Each structure stands twice: as structure tokens, then as C-alpha cells.
Amino acid sequence: MESFDGTKYGEVFAAVLNPTRPVAIDAGKSDPQQRSALLGLTIEKAFAGQNLRDADSAACCISAVWLWHDFLDQSHQISQHIKSTSGSFWHAIMHRRESDFSNAKYWFRKVPDHPVYESMTAAVETLLSQEQPITVSQLTSDGEWDPFLFVDICQQAAGDSSLLALCQELTRTEWQLLFDYCYQQACGA
């Protein structure tokens, strides 16, 4: 996967998306200074000058940015009201991050298939071609990305530090792919 470039999403998102920020697979540690900046983040500001075609996908992007900065409650407040598969996807990620694994799986059941899954399959194959503590088959079913298996691996990582770096990298990749997809859908690209 190419490196993440927040600038391709416009100035507003570029200002709040630091691609080198450490990624948490748990609740993480939010920065109160970022909270102030995020409080002003609206769909209207973030997508100013864009031809907004899908308000739900735009709301997904706002929810995603809150999640990126470890503000799980704020992300949840937004994602739980989005009635699309992408909204359910963000909702599921948020519950996985708060270690509510059964609730994460509940929301992933509302995302039986998503265009991001294909990209995640490719990312897993690339990442796991390197020396890793698990195999591709532990994250895929019938050769396809399985978010339920990833929930299980993240749950295991809480007690197995050898899985932590891989889960962080997959969480980063998942976030980036889903954010990009939602942004493209919001703008009709």
C-alpha cells in the first residue's frame, strides 16, 4: 500500500491527519488540544469547494477523524447514526477499539461485504509475506479479508505483545483504506 497522504483530501483534513501518528488498537490516548481543533470540523468545512454527493460518506470521514485521534465517544456519536455499510464499518472499528469485541462483531455483521475488504486482503498478503506471528489464513476466509478474524486477533493482542505491531499496522491500513473510500464516495469520485 502506498503511504498515506492527508493532503489529497484538502486543507481541512490535511491539518488534522498526521500520517505518522501512532495507531492504537485499543482506546488509545486522546490529545485535548486536538479535541479543540476537531470540534470545529464539520462536513461543510471539510468538503468546502467539493461537489458533495453522499452526506453519509462525508459523515463517515468526520467520524473517522475523531477515531484517528482516539476520541471514541465522539466517533461513536456520529457513526451510530449513519445507515450505510461504511457507517456500520466505522461503528464496528470503534467498538473493536474500545475492546467491546462482541459488539464489534455485531456491527461487522451489518457489513457482509465492502469494497475495502478486497484491498485489505491484498494488504494482509503483503504484510504477512514478511516474518509475522500469524498466517494469511488466520485473517482471511476463502481467500478474502475476514473482519471477524481480525477482531479475534486484536483481542488476542491484548495479552500477546507479539501481535501488537501487526494489529497496529493492519488497523492503520484499514483506517486509511476506509477513509479514502468514504472520501471518494462523498465527493462522487
C-alpha atoms as a PDB file:
ATOM      1  CA  MET A   1       0.000   0.000   0.000  1.00  0.00           C
ATOM      2  CA  GLU A   2       1.252   3.468  -0.851  1.00  0.00           C
ATOM      3  CA  SER A   3       1.985   5.789   2.048  1.00  0.00           C
ATOM      4  CA  PHE A   4      -0.934   7.840   3.291  1.00  0.00           C
ATOM      5  CA  ASP A   5      -1.049  11.449   2.126  1.00  0.00           C
ATOM      6  CA  GLY A   6      -3.594  13.503   4.052  1.00  0.00           C
ATOM      7  CA  THR A   7      -3.078  16.470   1.727  1.00  0.00           C
ATOM      8  CA  LYS A   8      -5.002  14.771  -1.074  1.00  0.00           C
ATOM      9  CA  TYR A   9      -8.174  15.248   0.986  1.00  0.00           C
ATOM     10  CA  GLY A  10      -7.940  19.025   1.124  1.00  0.00           C
ATOM     11  CA  GLU A  11      -6.544  21.520   3.612  1.00  0.00           C
ATOM     12  CA  VAL A  12      -9.058  20.869   6.382  1.00  0.00           C
ATOM     13  CA  PHE A  13      -8.381  17.138   6.562  1.00  0.00           C
ATOM     14  CA  ALA A  14      -4.649  17.616   5.960  1.00  0.00           C
ATOM     15  CA  ALA A  15      -4.499  19.830   9.053  1.00  0.00           C
ATOM     16  CA  VAL A  16      -5.894  17.079  11.299  1.00  0.00           C
ATOM     17  CA  LEU A  17      -4.436  13.945   9.704  1.00  0.00           C
ATOM     18  CA  ASN A  18      -0.877  13.274  10.761  1.00  0.00           C
ATOM     19  CA  PRO A  19       0.023  10.035   8.937  1.00  0.00           C
ATOM     20  CA  THR A  20       2.878   9.306  11.348  1.00  0.00           C
ATOM     21  CA  ARG A  21       0.626   9.387  14.412  1.00  0.00           C
ATOM     22  CA  PRO A  22       0.912   6.150  16.399  1.00  0.00           C
ATOM     23  CA  VAL A  23      -2.097   3.911  15.869  1.00  0.00           C
ATOM     24  CA  ALA A  24      -3.846   2.331  18.815  1.00  0.00           C
ATOM     25  CA  ILE A  25      -5.817  -0.894  18.636  1.00  0.00           C
ATOM     26  CA  ASP A  26      -7.429  -0.063  21.965  1.00  0.00           C
ATOM     27  CA  ALA A  27      -8.961   3.169  23.268  1.00  0.00           C
ATOM     28  CA  GLY A  28      -5.644   4.953  22.818  1.00  0.00           C
ATOM     29  CA  LYS A  29      -4.833   8.303  24.357  1.00  0.00           C
ATOM     30  CA  SER A  30      -6.614  11.351  23.031  1.00  0.00           C
ATOM     31  CA  ASP A  31      -4.963  14.759  22.965  1.00  0.00           C
ATOM     32  CA  PRO A  32      -7.098  17.549  24.464  1.00  0.00           C
ATOM     33  CA  GLN A  33      -5.501  20.081  22.091  1.00  0.00           C
ATOM     34  CA  GLN A  34      -6.694  18.048  19.110  1.00  0.00           C
ATOM     35  CA  ARG A  35     -10.188  17.950  20.581  1.00  0.00           C
ATOM     36  CA  SER A  36     -10.405  21.730  20.249  1.00  0.00           C
ATOM     37  CA  ALA A  37      -9.405  21.543  16.594  1.00  0.00           C
ATOM     38  CA  LEU A  38     -11.838  18.709  15.898  1.00  0.00           C
ATOM     39  CA  LEU A  39     -14.799  20.471  17.480  1.00  0.00           C
ATOM     40  CA  GLY A  40     -14.806  22.836  14.505  1.00  0.00           C
ATOM     41  CA  LEU A  41     -14.658  20.003  11.967  1.00  0.00           C
ATOM     42  CA  THR A  42     -17.914  19.905  10.028  1.00  0.00           C
ATOM     43  CA  ILE A  43     -18.940  18.363   6.752  1.00  0.00           C
ATOM     44  CA  GLU A  44     -19.425  21.853   5.326  1.00  0.00           C
ATOM     45  CA  LYS A  45     -15.886  22.937   6.246  1.00  0.00           C
ATOM     46  CA  ALA A  46     -14.164  19.661   5.394  1.00  0.00           C
ATOM     47  CA  PHE A  47     -15.808  19.382   1.982  1.00  0.00           C
ATOM     48  CA  ALA A  48     -15.935  23.082   1.071  1.00  0.00           C
ATOM     49  CA  GLY A  49     -15.423  23.508  -2.636  1.00  0.00           C
ATOM     50  CA  GLN A  50     -16.175  19.838  -3.313  1.00  0.00           C
ATOM     51  CA  ASN A  51     -19.203  18.511  -5.115  1.00  0.00           C
ATOM     52  CA  LEU A  52     -20.671  16.632  -2.138  1.00  0.00           C
ATOM     53  CA  ARG A  53     -22.690  13.686  -3.406  1.00  0.00           C
ATOM     54  CA  ASP A  54     -23.057  11.443  -0.368  1.00  0.00           C
ATOM     55  CA  ALA A  55     -23.618  13.042   3.027  1.00  0.00           C
ATOM     56  CA  ASP A  56     -23.396   9.674   4.827  1.00  0.00           C
ATOM     57  CA  SER A  57     -19.925   9.053   3.421  1.00  0.00           C
ATOM     58  CA  ALA A  58     -18.907  12.585   4.385  1.00  0.00           C
ATOM     59  CA  ALA A  59     -20.151  11.928   7.928  1.00  0.00           C
ATOM     60  CA  CYS A  60     -18.090   8.727   7.911  1.00  0.00           C
ATOM     61  CA  CYS A  61     -14.988  10.835   7.217  1.00  0.00           C
ATOM     62  CA  ILE A  62     -15.758  13.095  10.180  1.00  0.00           C
ATOM     63  CA  SER A  63     -16.326  10.077  12.434  1.00  0.00           C
ATOM     64  CA  ALA A  64     -13.065   8.590  11.161  1.00  0.00           C
ATOM     65  CA  VAL A  65     -11.033  11.658  12.078  1.00  0.00           C
ATOM     66  CA  TRP A  66     -12.368  11.584  15.644  1.00  0.00           C
ATOM     67  CA  LEU A  67     -11.429   7.901  15.797  1.00  0.00           C
ATOM     68  CA  TRP A  68      -7.962   8.628  14.348  1.00  0.00           C
ATOM     69  CA  HIS A  69      -7.350  10.894  17.326  1.00  0.00           C
ATOM     70  CA  ASP A  70      -8.696   8.372  19.875  1.00  0.00           C
ATOM     71  CA  PHE A  71     -11.927  10.209  20.650  1.00  0.00           C
ATOM     72  CA  LEU A  72     -14.035   7.084  20.586  1.00  0.00           C
ATOM     73  CA  ASP A  73     -17.173   8.613  22.111  1.00  0.00           C
ATOM     74  CA  GLN A  74     -17.328  11.395  19.545  1.00  0.00           C
ATOM     75  CA  SER A  75     -16.692   8.957  16.704  1.00  0.00           C
ATOM     76  CA  HIS A  76     -19.408   6.700  18.071  1.00  0.00           C
ATOM     77  CA  GLN A  77     -21.922   9.546  18.326  1.00  0.00           C
ATOM     78  CA  ILE A  78     -21.517  10.132  14.603  1.00  0.00           C
ATOM     79  CA  SER A  79     -21.145   6.587  13.252  1.00  0.00           C
ATOM     80  CA  GLN A  80     -24.131   5.149  15.108  1.00  0.00           C
ATOM     81  CA  HIS A  81     -26.448   7.421  13.112  1.00  0.00           C
ATOM     82  CA  ILE A  82     -25.046   6.570   9.673  1.00  0.00           C
ATOM     83  CA  LYS A  83     -27.244   3.979   7.974  1.00  0.00           C
ATOM     84  CA  SER A  84     -24.759   2.755   5.369  1.00  0.00           C
ATOM     85  CA  THR A  85     -22.397  -0.209   5.373  1.00  0.00           C
ATOM     86  CA  SER A  86     -19.488   2.225   5.689  1.00  0.00           C
ATOM     87  CA  GLY A  87     -21.122   3.773   8.761  1.00  0.00           C
ATOM     88  CA  SER A  88     -21.505   0.301  10.258  1.00  0.00           C
ATOM     89  CA  PHE A  89     -17.859  -0.422   9.372  1.00  0.00           C
ATOM     90  CA  TRP A  90     -16.662   2.660  11.329  1.00  0.00           C
ATOM     91  CA  HIS A  91     -19.041   1.775  14.148  1.00  0.00           C
ATOM     92  CA  ALA A  92     -17.563  -1.740  14.291  1.00  0.00           C
ATOM     93  CA  ILE A  93     -13.987  -0.438  14.330  1.00  0.00           C
ATOM     94  CA  MET A  94     -14.832   1.924  17.178  1.00  0.00           C
ATOM     95  CA  HIS A  95     -16.276  -0.943  19.269  1.00  0.00           C
ATOM     96  CA  ARG A  96     -13.246  -3.109  18.481  1.00  0.00           C
ATOM     97  CA  ARG A  97     -11.017  -0.276  19.667  1.00  0.00           C
ATOM     98  CA  GLU A  98     -12.927   0.026  22.956  1.00  0.00           C
ATOM     99  CA  SER A  99     -12.445  -3.742  23.428  1.00  0.00           C
ATOM    100  CA  ASP A 100     -16.172  -4.455  23.087  1.00  0.00           C
ATOM    101  CA  PHE A 101     -15.406  -7.330  20.748  1.00  0.00           C
ATOM    102  CA  SER A 102     -18.863  -8.909  20.618  1.00  0.00           C
ATOM    103  CA  ASN A 103     -20.425  -5.545  19.758  1.00  0.00           C
ATOM    104  CA  ALA A 104     -17.764  -5.004  17.077  1.00  0.00           C
ATOM    105  CA  LYS A 105     -18.779  -8.324  15.528  1.00  0.00           C
ATOM    106  CA  TYR A 106     -22.444  -7.325  15.722  1.00  0.00           C
ATOM    107  CA  TRP A 107     -21.695  -4.242  13.622  1.00  0.00           C
ATOM    108  CA  PHE A 108     -19.437  -6.162  11.237  1.00  0.00           C
ATOM    109  CA  ARG A 109     -22.384  -8.471  10.552  1.00  0.00           C
ATOM    110  CA  LYS A 110     -24.039  -5.376   9.049  1.00  0.00           C
ATOM    111  CA  VAL A 111     -21.088  -5.175   6.640  1.00  0.00           C
ATOM    112  CA  PRO A 112     -21.218  -8.589   4.933  1.00  0.00           C
ATOM    113  CA  ASP A 113     -19.172  -7.265   2.035  1.00  0.00           C
ATOM    114  CA  HIS A 114     -17.434  -3.969   1.458  1.00  0.00           C
ATOM    115  CA  PRO A 115     -15.178  -2.732  -1.357  1.00  0.00           C
ATOM    116  CA  VAL A 116     -12.389  -2.145   1.213  1.00  0.00           C
ATOM    117  CA  TYR A 117     -12.242  -5.867   2.016  1.00  0.00           C
ATOM    118  CA  GLU A 118     -10.510  -6.628  -1.291  1.00  0.00           C
ATOM    119  CA  SER A 119      -7.807  -4.043  -0.555  1.00  0.00           C
ATOM    120  CA  MET A 120      -7.416  -5.410   2.970  1.00  0.00           C
ATOM    121  CA  THR A 121      -6.900  -8.894   1.547  1.00  0.00           C
ATOM    122  CA  ALA A 122      -4.056  -7.567  -0.607  1.00  0.00           C
ATOM    123  CA  ALA A 123      -2.590  -5.668   2.365  1.00  0.00           C
ATOM    124  CA  VAL A 124      -2.676  -8.772   4.548  1.00  0.00           C
ATOM    125  CA  GLU A 125      -0.957 -10.823   1.867  1.00  0.00           C
ATOM    126  CA  THR A 126       1.786  -8.182   1.571  1.00  0.00           C
ATOM    127  CA  LEU A 127       2.269  -7.718   5.315  1.00  0.00           C
ATOM    128  CA  LEU A 128       2.229 -11.405   6.086  1.00  0.00           C
ATOM    129  CA  SER A 129       4.726 -12.241   3.377  1.00  0.00           C
ATOM    130  CA  GLN A 130       7.200 -10.802   5.862  1.00  0.00           C
ATOM    131  CA  GLU A 131       8.044 -12.653   9.062  1.00  0.00           C
ATOM    132  CA  GLN A 132       4.924 -12.317  11.208  1.00  0.00           C
ATOM    133  CA  PRO A 133       3.482 -14.265  14.152  1.00  0.00           C
ATOM    134  CA  ILE A 134       0.358 -15.308  12.200  1.00  0.00           C
ATOM    135  CA  THR A 135      -0.521 -16.534   8.715  1.00  0.00           C
ATOM    136  CA  VAL A 136      -2.766 -15.141   5.997  1.00  0.00           C
ATOM    137  CA  SER A 137      -5.325 -17.868   6.697  1.00  0.00           C
ATOM    138  CA  GLN A 138      -5.744 -16.521  10.240  1.00  0.00           C
ATOM    139  CA  LEU A 139      -7.125 -13.255   8.815  1.00  0.00           C
ATOM    140  CA  THR A 140      -8.942 -14.478   5.729  1.00  0.00           C
ATOM    141  CA  SER A 141     -11.801 -16.849   4.924  1.00  0.00           C
ATOM    142  CA  ASP A 142     -11.865 -18.395   1.477  1.00  0.00           C
ATOM    143  CA  GLY A 143      -9.032 -16.053   0.497  1.00  0.00           C
ATOM    144  CA  GLU A 144     -10.938 -12.882   1.488  1.00  0.00           C
ATOM    145  CA  TRP A 145     -10.391 -10.427   4.369  1.00  0.00           C
ATOM    146  CA  ASP A 146     -12.419 -11.511   7.378  1.00  0.00           C
ATOM    147  CA  PRO A 147     -13.079  -8.669   9.841  1.00  0.00           C
ATOM    148  CA  PHE A 148     -14.324 -11.162  12.448  1.00  0.00           C
ATOM    149  CA  LEU A 149     -10.980 -12.938  12.473  1.00  0.00           C
ATOM    150  CA  PHE A 150      -9.244  -9.575  12.824  1.00  0.00           C
ATOM    151  CA  VAL A 151     -11.424  -8.769  15.847  1.00  0.00           C
ATOM    152  CA  ASP A 152     -10.238 -12.067  17.370  1.00  0.00           C
ATOM    153  CA  ILE A 153      -6.577 -11.278  16.613  1.00  0.00           C
ATOM    154  CA  CYS A 154      -6.919  -7.795  18.163  1.00  0.00           C
ATOM    155  CA  GLN A 155      -8.462  -9.401  21.248  1.00  0.00           C
ATOM    156  CA  GLN A 156      -5.515 -11.811  21.441  1.00  0.00           C
ATOM    157  CA  ALA A 157      -3.050  -8.937  21.025  1.00  0.00           C
ATOM    158  CA  ALA A 158      -4.141  -7.531  24.390  1.00  0.00           C
ATOM    159  CA  GLY A 159      -2.363 -10.469  26.007  1.00  0.00           C
ATOM    160  CA  ASP A 160       0.229 -11.255  23.343  1.00  0.00           C
ATOM    161  CA  SER A 161       2.647  -8.428  22.582  1.00  0.00           C
ATOM    162  CA  SER A 162       3.998 -10.300  19.541  1.00  0.00           C
ATOM    163  CA  LEU A 163       0.721  -9.499  17.755  1.00  0.00           C
ATOM    164  CA  LEU A 164       0.563  -5.817  18.710  1.00  0.00           C
ATOM    165  CA  ALA A 165       2.686  -4.320  15.898  1.00  0.00           C
ATOM    166  CA  LEU A 166       0.862  -6.329  13.234  1.00  0.00           C
ATOM    167  CA  CYS A 167      -2.548  -5.320  14.606  1.00  0.00           C
ATOM    168  CA  GLN A 168      -1.458  -1.685  14.691  1.00  0.00           C
ATOM    169  CA  GLU A 169      -0.291  -1.826  11.084  1.00  0.00           C
ATOM    170  CA  LEU A 170      -3.476  -3.538   9.925  1.00  0.00           C
ATOM    171  CA  THR A 171      -5.581  -1.040  11.886  1.00  0.00           C
ATOM    172  CA  ARG A 172      -3.721   1.830  10.215  1.00  0.00           C
ATOM    173  CA  THR A 173      -4.179   0.252   6.787  1.00  0.00           C
ATOM    174  CA  GLU A 174      -7.860  -0.447   7.404  1.00  0.00           C
ATOM    175  CA  TRP A 175      -8.435   3.132   8.585  1.00  0.00           C
ATOM    176  CA  GLN A 176      -6.630   4.618   5.579  1.00  0.00           C
ATOM    177  CA  LEU A 177      -8.413   2.440   3.033  1.00  0.00           C
ATOM    178  CA  LEU A 178     -11.840   3.034   4.545  1.00  0.00           C
ATOM    179  CA  PHE A 179     -11.259   6.777   4.927  1.00  0.00           C
ATOM    180  CA  ASP A 180     -10.150   7.036   1.296  1.00  0.00           C
ATOM    181  CA  TYR A 181     -13.166   5.019   0.134  1.00  0.00           C
ATOM    182  CA  CYS A 182     -15.589   7.195   2.128  1.00  0.00           C
ATOM    183  CA  TYR A 183     -13.971  10.400   0.898  1.00  0.00           C
ATOM    184  CA  GLN A 184     -14.201   9.241  -2.714  1.00  0.00           C
ATOM    185  CA  GLN A 185     -17.860   8.267  -2.215  1.00  0.00           C
ATOM    186  CA  ALA A 186     -18.636  11.596  -0.566  1.00  0.00           C
ATOM    187  CA  CYS A 187     -17.203  13.522  -3.480  1.00  0.00           C
ATOM    188  CA  GLY A 188     -18.616  11.203  -6.133  1.00  0.00           C
ATOM    189  CA  ALA A 189     -15.202  10.162  -7.408  1.00  0.00           C
END
